[in-house]
C-alpha atoms as a PDB file:
ATOM      1  CA  MET A   1      76.865 129.546  98.111  1.00  0.00           C
ATOM      2  CA  ARG A   2      80.251 128.182  99.155  1.00  0.00           C
ATOM      3  CA  PHE A   3      79.875 129.656 102.626  1.00  0.00           C
ATOM      4  CA  ALA A   4      76.526 127.932 103.050  1.00  0.00           C
ATOM      5  CA  LEU A   5      77.998 124.630 101.873  1.00  0.00           C
ATOM      6  CA  PHE A   6      80.944 124.801 104.296  1.00  0.00           C
ATOM      7  CA  ALA A   7      78.693 125.908 107.149  1.00  0.00           C
ATOM      8  CA  GLY A   8      76.344 123.006 106.477  1.00  0.00           C
ATOM      9  CA  LEU A   9      79.189 120.491 106.476  1.00  0.00           C
ATOM     10  CA  ALA A  10      80.556 121.944 109.703  1.00  0.00           C
ATOM     11  CA  SER A  11      77.157 121.664 111.375  1.00  0.00           C
ATOM     12  CA  LEU A  12      76.868 118.047 110.236  1.00  0.00           C
ATOM     13  CA  VAL A  13      80.272 117.185 111.675  1.00  0.00           C
ATOM     14  CA  SER A  14      79.464 118.832 114.987  1.00  0.00           C
ATOM     15  CA  SER A  15      76.304 116.724 115.393  1.00  0.00           C
ATOM     16  CA  VAL A  16      78.234 113.433 115.304  1.00  0.00           C
ATOM     17  CA  THR A  17      80.341 112.034 118.143  1.00  0.00           C
ATOM     18  CA  ALA A  18      82.596 109.152 117.082  1.00  0.00           C
ATOM     19  CA  THR A  19      85.333 107.047 118.687  1.00  0.00           C
ATOM     20  CA  ALA A  20      87.632 104.829 116.597  1.00  0.00           C
ATOM     21  CA  LEU A  21      90.090 102.546 118.374  1.00  0.00           C
ATOM     22  CA  THR A  22      92.292  99.528 117.770  1.00  0.00           C
ATOM     23  CA  TYR A  23      92.652  97.174 120.711  1.00  0.00           C
ATOM     24  CA  ARG A  24      94.617  93.951 121.237  1.00  0.00           C
ATOM     25  CA  ILE A  25      92.539  91.446 123.204  1.00  0.00           C
ATOM     26  CA  GLN A  26      94.606  88.856 125.025  1.00  0.00           C
ATOM     27  CA  ALA A  27      93.578  85.218 125.355  1.00  0.00           C
ATOM     28  CA  ASN A  28      90.855  84.602 127.969  1.00  0.00           C
ATOM     29  CA  GLU A  29      90.197  88.355 128.200  1.00  0.00           C
ATOM     30  CA  LYS A  30      86.970  90.353 128.115  1.00  0.00           C
ATOM     31  CA  ALA A  31      87.332  94.040 127.222  1.00  0.00           C
ATOM     32  CA  CYS A  32      84.509  96.585 127.560  1.00  0.00           C
ATOM     33  CA  PHE A  33      84.204 100.149 126.301  1.00  0.00           C
ATOM     34  CA  PHE A  34      81.643 102.774 127.201  1.00  0.00           C
ATOM     35  CA  THR A  35      79.948 105.689 125.469  1.00  0.00           C
ATOM     36  CA  ASN A  36      77.432 108.170 126.818  1.00  0.00           C
ATOM     37  CA  VAL A  37      74.204 109.039 124.958  1.00  0.00           C
ATOM     38  CA  ASP A  38      72.792 112.425 125.968  1.00  0.00           C
ATOM     39  CA  GLN A  39      69.531 112.315 123.986  1.00  0.00           C
ATOM     40  CA  SER A  40      66.919 109.629 123.544  1.00  0.00           C
ATOM     41  CA  ASN A  41      66.174 108.246 120.079  1.00  0.00           C
ATOM     42  CA  ALA A  42      69.729 109.008 118.980  1.00  0.00           C
ATOM     43  CA  LYS A  43      71.314 106.852 116.303  1.00  0.00           C
ATOM     44  CA  VAL A  44      74.273 104.784 117.508  1.00  0.00           C
ATOM     45  CA  ALA A  45      76.547 103.257 114.875  1.00  0.00           C
ATOM     46  CA  PHE A  46      78.767 100.357 115.935  1.00  0.00           C
ATOM     47  CA  TYR A  47      81.391  98.844 113.650  1.00  0.00           C
ATOM     48  CA  PHE A  48      84.103  96.285 114.426  1.00  0.00           C
ATOM     49  CA  ALA A  49      86.421  93.967 112.516  1.00  0.00           C
ATOM     50  CA  VAL A  50      88.997  91.442 113.726  1.00  0.00           C
ATOM     51  CA  GLN A  51      92.230  92.345 111.961  1.00  0.00           C
ATOM     52  CA  SER A  52      94.438  89.445 113.083  1.00  0.00           C
ATOM     53  CA  GLY A  53      94.698  86.533 115.472  1.00  0.00           C
ATOM     54  CA  GLY A  54      93.311  83.014 115.599  1.00  0.00           C
ATOM     55  CA  SER A  55      90.398  82.450 113.239  1.00  0.00           C
ATOM     56  CA  PHE A  56      89.639  86.206 113.040  1.00  0.00           C
ATOM     57  CA  ASP A  57      86.542  85.841 115.256  1.00  0.00           C
ATOM     58  CA  VAL A  58      85.393  87.288 118.581  1.00  0.00           C
ATOM     59  CA  ASP A  59      82.270  87.420 120.751  1.00  0.00           C
ATOM     60  CA  TYR A  60      80.614  90.810 121.209  1.00  0.00           C
ATOM     61  CA  SER A  61      77.704  92.380 123.081  1.00  0.00           C
ATOM     62  CA  VAL A  62      76.097  95.811 123.422  1.00  0.00           C
ATOM     63  CA  THR A  63      74.258  96.587 126.658  1.00  0.00           C
ATOM     64  CA  ALA A  64      71.869  99.483 127.354  1.00  0.00           C
ATOM     65  CA  PRO A  65      72.009 101.485 130.621  1.00  0.00           C
ATOM     66  CA  GLY A  66      69.251  99.357 132.159  1.00  0.00           C
ATOM     67  CA  GLY A  67      71.179  96.126 131.507  1.00  0.00           C
ATOM     68  CA  LYS A  68      69.173  95.149 128.434  1.00  0.00           C
ATOM     69  CA  ILE A  69      71.135  93.407 125.676  1.00  0.00           C
ATOM     70  CA  VAL A  70      70.843  95.464 122.501  1.00  0.00           C
ATOM     71  CA  LEU A  71      73.187  93.429 120.275  1.00  0.00           C
ATOM     72  CA  ASP A  72      75.183  90.252 120.777  1.00  0.00           C
ATOM     73  CA  GLY A  73      76.936  87.613 118.727  1.00  0.00           C
ATOM     74  CA  THR A  74      79.454  84.787 118.972  1.00  0.00           C
ATOM     75  CA  LYS A  75      82.488  84.055 116.818  1.00  0.00           C
ATOM     76  CA  GLU A  76      81.874  86.954 114.454  1.00  0.00           C
ATOM     77  CA  ARG A  77      84.622  88.313 112.216  1.00  0.00           C
ATOM     78  CA  GLN A  78      83.140  91.757 111.728  1.00  0.00           C
ATOM     79  CA  GLY A  79      79.925  93.689 112.105  1.00  0.00           C
ATOM     80  CA  ASP A  80      78.352  96.991 111.101  1.00  0.00           C
ATOM     81  CA  PHE A  81      75.220  97.974 113.058  1.00  0.00           C
ATOM     82  CA  VAL A  82      73.051 101.032 113.591  1.00  0.00           C
ATOM     83  CA  PHE A  83      70.450 101.076 116.377  1.00  0.00           C
ATOM     84  CA  THR A  84      68.280 103.675 118.097  1.00  0.00           C
ATOM     85  CA  ALA A  85      69.142 104.472 121.703  1.00  0.00           C
ATOM     86  CA  GLN A  86      65.797 104.361 123.502  1.00  0.00           C
ATOM     87  CA  SER A  87      67.194 105.542 126.836  1.00  0.00           C
ATOM     88  CA  VAL A  88      69.728 108.131 127.905  1.00  0.00           C
ATOM     89  CA  GLY A  89      72.835 106.970 129.720  1.00  0.00           C
ATOM     90  CA  GLU A  90      75.968 104.886 129.359  1.00  0.00           C
ATOM     91  CA  TYR A  91      76.052 102.089 126.790  1.00  0.00           C
ATOM     92  CA  THR A  92      78.541  99.229 127.136  1.00  0.00           C
ATOM     93  CA  PHE A  93      80.335  97.609 124.178  1.00  0.00           C
ATOM     94  CA  CYS A  94      82.184  94.412 125.113  1.00  0.00           C
ATOM     95  CA  PHE A  95      84.489  92.030 123.228  1.00  0.00           C
ATOM     96  CA  ASN A  96      85.022  88.566 124.670  1.00  0.00           C
ATOM     97  CA  ASN A  97      88.030  86.408 123.789  1.00  0.00           C
ATOM     98  CA  GLU A  98      87.603  83.828 126.555  1.00  0.00           C
ATOM     99  CA  MET A  99      87.090  81.116 123.929  1.00  0.00           C
ATOM    100  CA  SER A 100      90.779  81.373 122.912  1.00  0.00           C
ATOM    101  CA  THR A 101      93.435  79.644 124.970  1.00  0.00           C
ATOM    102  CA  PHE A 102      96.556  81.088 123.360  1.00  0.00           C
ATOM    103  CA  ALA A 103      95.520  83.342 120.440  1.00  0.00           C
ATOM    104  CA  GLU A 104      95.275  87.090 120.944  1.00  0.00           C
ATOM    105  CA  LYS A 105      93.061  89.193 118.672  1.00  0.00           C
ATOM    106  CA  MET A 106      93.543  92.638 117.157  1.00  0.00           C
ATOM    107  CA  VAL A 107      90.141  94.347 116.907  1.00  0.00           C
ATOM    108  CA  ASP A 108      89.463  97.603 115.079  1.00  0.00           C
ATOM    109  CA  PHE A 109      86.160  99.206 116.094  1.00  0.00           C
ATOM    110  CA  GLU A 110      84.280 102.486 115.913  1.00  0.00           C
ATOM    111  CA  ILE A 111      81.379 103.854 117.974  1.00  0.00           C
ATOM    112  CA  ALA A 112      79.471 106.888 116.666  1.00  0.00           C
ATOM    113  CA  VAL A 113      76.472 108.677 118.208  1.00  0.00           C
ATOM    114  CA  GLU A 114      74.380 110.739 115.817  1.00  0.00           C
ATOM    115  CA  ASN A 115      71.386 112.974 116.438  1.00  0.00           C
ATOM    116  CA  GLU A 116      68.310 112.396 114.302  1.00  0.00           C
ATOM    117  CA  GLN A 117      67.547 116.078 113.913  1.00  0.00           C
ATOM    118  CA  ARG A 118      68.939 117.576 110.764  1.00  0.00           C
ATOM    119  CA  ALA A 119      71.073 120.652 111.060  1.00  0.00           C
ATOM    120  CA  GLN A 120      69.519 123.926 109.910  1.00  0.00           C
ATOM    121  CA  LEU A 121      71.486 125.355 107.015  1.00  0.00           C
ATOM    122  CA  PRO A 122      72.017 129.119 106.882  1.00  0.00           C
ATOM    123  CA  SER A 123      70.228 130.605 103.871  1.00  0.00           C
ATOM    124  CA  ARG A 124      71.738 133.248 101.676  1.00  0.00           C
ATOM    125  CA  GLN A 125      69.937 136.542 101.426  1.00  0.00           C
ATOM    126  CA  GLY A 126      67.573 136.426  98.487  1.00  0.00           C
ATOM    127  CA  ALA A 127      67.744 132.627  98.089  1.00  0.00           C
ATOM    128  CA  THR A 128      64.496 130.748  97.584  1.00  0.00           C
ATOM    129  CA  PRO A 129      63.452 127.804  99.796  1.00  0.00           C
ATOM    130  CA  GLU A 130      63.811 125.490  96.803  1.00  0.00           C
ATOM    131  CA  GLN A 131      67.478 126.421  96.442  1.00  0.00           C
ATOM    132  CA  THR A 132      68.080 125.897 100.159  1.00  0.00           C
ATOM    133  CA  SER A 133      66.353 122.511 100.077  1.00  0.00           C
ATOM    134  CA  SER A 134      68.363 121.463  97.020  1.00  0.00           C
ATOM    135  CA  LEU A 135      71.581 122.463  98.743  1.00  0.00           C
ATOM    136  CA  GLU A 136      70.585 120.559 101.873  1.00  0.00           C
ATOM    137  CA  GLU A 137      69.847 117.402  99.922  1.00  0.00           C
ATOM    138  CA  SER A 138      73.175 117.706  98.092  1.00  0.00           C
ATOM    139  CA  ILE A 139      75.035 117.958 101.396  1.00  0.00           C
ATOM    140  CA  TYR A 140      73.313 114.908 102.825  1.00  0.00           C
ATOM    141  CA  LYS A 141      73.990 112.938  99.648  1.00  0.00           C
ATOM    142  CA  LEU A 142      77.630 113.940  99.914  1.00  0.00           C
ATOM    143  CA  SER A 143      77.639 112.825 103.558  1.00  0.00           C
ATOM    144  CA  ALA A 144      76.159 109.450 102.587  1.00  0.00           C
ATOM    145  CA  GLN A 145      78.753 108.986  99.848  1.00  0.00           C
ATOM    146  CA  LEU A 146      81.552 109.825 102.282  1.00  0.00           C
ATOM    147  CA  SER A 147      80.170 107.227 104.694  1.00  0.00           C
ATOM    148  CA  THR A 148      80.153 104.654 101.890  1.00  0.00           C
ATOM    149  CA  VAL A 149      83.755 105.476 100.998  1.00  0.00           C
ATOM    150  CA  SER A 150      84.743 105.188 104.659  1.00  0.00           C
ATOM    151  CA  ARG A 151      83.074 101.759 104.955  1.00  0.00           C
ATOM    152  CA  ASN A 152      84.815 100.566 101.786  1.00  0.00           C
ATOM    153  CA  GLN A 153      88.161 101.725 103.132  1.00  0.00           C
ATOM    154  CA  LYS A 154      87.557  99.853 106.376  1.00  0.00           C
ATOM    155  CA  TYR A 155      86.558  96.729 104.456  1.00  0.00           C
ATOM    156  CA  PHE A 156      89.659  96.760 102.250  1.00  0.00           C
ATOM    157  CA  ARG A 157      91.864  97.525 105.230  1.00  0.00           C
ATOM    158  CA  THR A 158      90.434  94.534 107.068  1.00  0.00           C
ATOM    159  CA  ARG A 159      90.948  92.290 104.034  1.00  0.00           C
ATOM    160  CA  GLU A 160      94.528  93.496 103.682  1.00  0.00           C
ATOM    161  CA  ASN A 161      95.348  92.898 107.346  1.00  0.00           C
ATOM    162  CA  ARG A 162      93.795  89.426 107.306  1.00  0.00           C
ATOM    163  CA  ASN A 163      95.618  88.445 104.116  1.00  0.00           C
ATOM    164  CA  PHE A 164      98.882  89.746 105.526  1.00  0.00           C
ATOM    165  CA  SER A 165      98.322  87.781 108.721  1.00  0.00           C
ATOM    166  CA  THR A 166      97.620  84.640 106.658  1.00  0.00           C
ATOM    167  CA  VAL A 167     100.816  85.180 104.661  1.00  0.00           C
ATOM    168  CA  ARG A 168     102.882  85.550 107.826  1.00  0.00           C
ATOM    169  CA  SER A 169     101.327  82.411 109.301  1.00  0.00           C
ATOM    170  CA  THR A 170     102.063  80.501 106.075  1.00  0.00           C
ATOM    171  CA  GLU A 171     105.677  81.706 106.107  1.00  0.00           C
ATOM    172  CA  ARG A 172     106.125  80.517 109.681  1.00  0.00           C
ATOM    173  CA  ARG A 173     104.683  77.106 108.826  1.00  0.00           C
ATOM    174  CA  ILE A 174     106.899  76.754 105.750  1.00  0.00           C
ATOM    175  CA  PHE A 175     109.957  77.675 107.809  1.00  0.00           C
ATOM    176  CA  ASN A 176     109.065  75.195 110.558  1.00  0.00           C
ATOM    177  CA  PHE A 177     108.424  72.407 108.039  1.00  0.00           C
ATOM    178  CA  SER A 178     111.751  73.176 106.320  1.00  0.00           C
ATOM    179  CA  VAL A 179     113.630  72.943 109.616  1.00  0.00           C
ATOM    180  CA  ILE A 180     111.903  69.677 110.507  1.00  0.00           C
ATOM    181  CA  GLU A 181     112.616  68.266 107.043  1.00  0.00           C
ATOM    182  CA  SER A 182     116.306  69.202 107.303  1.00  0.00           C
ATOM    183  CA  LEU A 183     116.587  67.587 110.724  1.00  0.00           C
ATOM    184  CA  MET A 184     114.913  64.434 109.441  1.00  0.00           C
ATOM    185  CA  MET A 185     117.299  64.255 106.473  1.00  0.00           C
ATOM    186  CA  VAL A 186     120.352  64.636 108.749  1.00  0.00           C
ATOM    187  CA  SER A 187     118.951  62.012 111.128  1.00  0.00           C
ATOM    188  CA  MET A 188     118.291  59.554 108.286  1.00  0.00           C
ATOM    189  CA  ALA A 189     121.799  60.061 106.901  1.00  0.00           C
ATOM    190  CA  ALA A 190     123.341  59.446 110.331  1.00  0.00           C
ATOM    191  CA  LEU A 191     121.176  56.340 110.788  1.00  0.00           C
ATOM    192  CA  GLN A 192     122.220  54.967 107.396  1.00  0.00           C
ATOM    193  CA  VAL A 193     125.896  55.482 108.204  1.00  0.00           C
ATOM    194  CA  PHE A 194     125.433  53.730 111.553  1.00  0.00           C
ATOM    195  CA  VAL A 195     123.638  50.767 109.955  1.00  0.00           C
ATOM    196  CA  VAL A 196     126.278  50.354 107.227  1.00  0.00           C
ATOM    197  CA  ARG A 197     129.121  50.496 109.775  1.00  0.00           C
ATOM    198  CA  PHE A 198     127.308  47.988 111.955  1.00  0.00           C
ATOM    199  CA  PHE A 199     126.983  45.536 109.022  1.00  0.00           C
ATOM    200  CA  PHE A 200     130.653  45.870 108.096  1.00  0.00           C
ATOM    201  CA  GLN A 201     131.797  45.452 111.696  1.00  0.00           C
ATOM    202  CA  GLY A 202     129.656  42.321 111.988  1.00  0.00           C
ATOM    203  CA  ALA A 203     131.162  40.914 108.771  1.00  0.00           C
ATOM    204  CA  ARG A 204     134.695  41.548 110.011  1.00  0.00           C
ATOM    205  CA  LYS A 205     134.015  39.737 113.293  1.00  0.00           C
ATOM    206  CA  GLY A 206     132.708  36.717 111.349  1.00  0.00           C
ATOM    207  CA  MET A 207     135.851  36.663 109.204  1.00  0.00           C
ATOM    208  CA  PHE A 208     138.096  36.764 112.298  1.00  0.00           C
ATOM    209  CA  ILE A 209     136.223  33.796 113.802  1.00  0.00           C
ATOM    210  CA  PHE A 210     136.147  31.620 110.712  1.00  0.00           C
ATOM    211  CA  SER A 211     139.564  32.411 109.247  1.00  0.00           C
ATOM    212  CA  PRO A 212     141.466  29.854 111.502  1.00  0.00           C
ATOM    213  CA  CYS A 213     138.848  27.260 110.617  1.00  0.00           C
ATOM    214  CA  LEU A 214     139.343  27.932 106.938  1.00  0.00           C
ATOM    215  CA  ARG A 215     143.090  27.510 107.255  1.00  0.00           C
ATOM    216  CA  ALA A 216     142.638  24.205 109.149  1.00  0.00           C
ATOM    217  CA  GLY A 217     140.090  22.984 106.632  1.00  0.00           C
ATOM    218  CA  TYR A 218     142.476  23.783 103.808  1.00  0.00           C
ATOM    219  CA  ARG A 219     145.023  21.375 105.278  1.00  0.00           C
ATOM    220  CA  HIS A 220     142.414  18.712 106.047  1.00  0.00           C
ATOM    221  CA  LYS A 221     140.055  18.780 103.145  1.00  0.00           C
ATOM    222  CA  THR A 222     137.892  15.994 104.566  1.00  0.00           C
ATOM    223  CA  TRP A 223     136.915  17.916 107.719  1.00  0.00           C
ATOM    224  CA  SER A 224     133.417  19.022 108.229  1.00  0.00           C
ATOM    225  CA  CYS A 225     132.391  22.365 109.726  1.00  0.00           C
ATOM    226  CA  LEU A 226     132.044  20.830 113.205  1.00  0.00           C
ATOM    227  CA  ASP A 227     135.502  19.295 112.987  1.00  0.00           C
ATOM    228  CA  CYS A 228     136.886  22.659 111.846  1.00  0.00           C
ATOM    229  CA  LEU A 229     135.357  24.520 114.770  1.00  0.00           C
ATOM    230  CA  ALA A 230     136.529  21.782 117.190  1.00  0.00           C
ATOM    231  CA  ALA A 231     140.074  22.135 115.886  1.00  0.00           C
ATOM    232  CA  VAL A 232     140.010  25.895 116.307  1.00  0.00           C
ATOM    233  CA  VAL A 233     138.660  25.683 119.843  1.00  0.00           C
END
């Protein structure tokens, strides 16, 4: 029973061809990746998620060998698609970041090609067809549950990376605002010192001008301000 279970899982793994990559797309860049489909009517799974950069969005497109657009979208944060490859050949998966002027994007994506035909499980000697069918269904249920767990892991990983990127961006903004605030406080303090010194220097110059006039007016109490200034000059 265990041998049949392990053999069935091994046959399922061998019927799936997958490629998982993480790529950093520079600003104004278009990156394309290719996969080859050997059989028609094969299931092609395409998953991507923008982990960091800008607004966490990117343009994407999937092109069939004949040039027909299978999937496309603009400013998408993530996507999980499964389509049937109608023709045999090379399929193109492109990510376009030409909309960004400065921001680079980190994209995590996976391309998997699966055959529709189910693998034939080896039957144990003396086992009934009902037992073999039950074992087959259990294996495929287990495969579906593993796929669900894998998707959940990818989702939480994407959320974690985006939240971490937001935290780092917030830290940079707080640091920049703190530096600007400190510079403004130092500038305001220097400006206040300059203004106070300017007022005191202006008051001292006025005292130096009017002090001879005050002394002359003290001796001649009947002088007016004009007479005082005329006497000083």
